Amino acid sequence: MDTEAQHTERDRSSRPAPKAAEERSRFALVARITQWLPGGRISLTLLVCLVFLLILNAFVVQPFQIPSGSMEDGLRIGDRVLVNKLAYRFGAEPRRGDVVVFDGSGYFGNADYIKRVVGVGGDRVVCCDKEGRIEVNGRSVDESAFLYPGDSPSTVPFHVVVPDGTLFVLGDHRSDSRDSRDHLGSPGGGMIPVSDVIGRADWIVWPTAHWSRLQRPGAYARVPAASPTAGGGHG
């Protein structure tokens, strides 16, 4: 066998595999970071978890503490819900019956709020029919499954057409909720821009005894689509 060929073969075999060298380099980097950080690997692990949670909170899911009784009985003061921030990120729009968290700055007040979507763009929402129920696009909605016991759907009469790109929202505890009804005469007519919706509340996670998934009520599924001749604005 050619001597030069033998040397070449030995030289190749003695070289570390690129992948192995890359892994050693990565491990060396981790070792240097752990030496530099007070607490070593424990601190590094906690730091990675913190970064992951920050990314999760910013883009995927965010905890929200219920600040008032406006959504009782379903959501009570101090309950914590998980807000799905991806629910409306890829073309999906809020639907009637969804419980949403939104930024109320310039509309409700400089804070985040949680309410139920009653009307979406183009909907005509009226209070009330002969039986005292809210009508959406001419269809009466039975809200008894989630309305606070003893509350009427509304003691304030209204007749609005929800502009495109906005939402008409109400609290489930109607007698203890400041919502779209209270801002009908304000700029924006009490409507919430869809762009200000932070996400959809999907789960109650605290207290553990109250752990449950927030479902969209079936009552809204029977509401017909908005009439294209409904127009915009409110009346």
Foldseek 3Di string as FASTA:
>chain_A
DDPVVVVVVVVVVPDDDPVVVVVVVVVVVLQVVQVVDVVRPVVVVVVVVVVVVVVCCVAAKNKDAACDPLAPPLHHHGWIFIFGQCCPVPPDFDDAQFWFWFQCVPHQHRDIDTFGFHDAAQWKWWADPPVGAIDIQNRGFDPVVRADPPDGPEPDTFIFTAHHQWTFTGHSPRVTTDALSVRCVPVVRRIHGRVRTRGTGFWGPPPVVSTDGRDRDPRRVPHDDHDPPSDHTTD
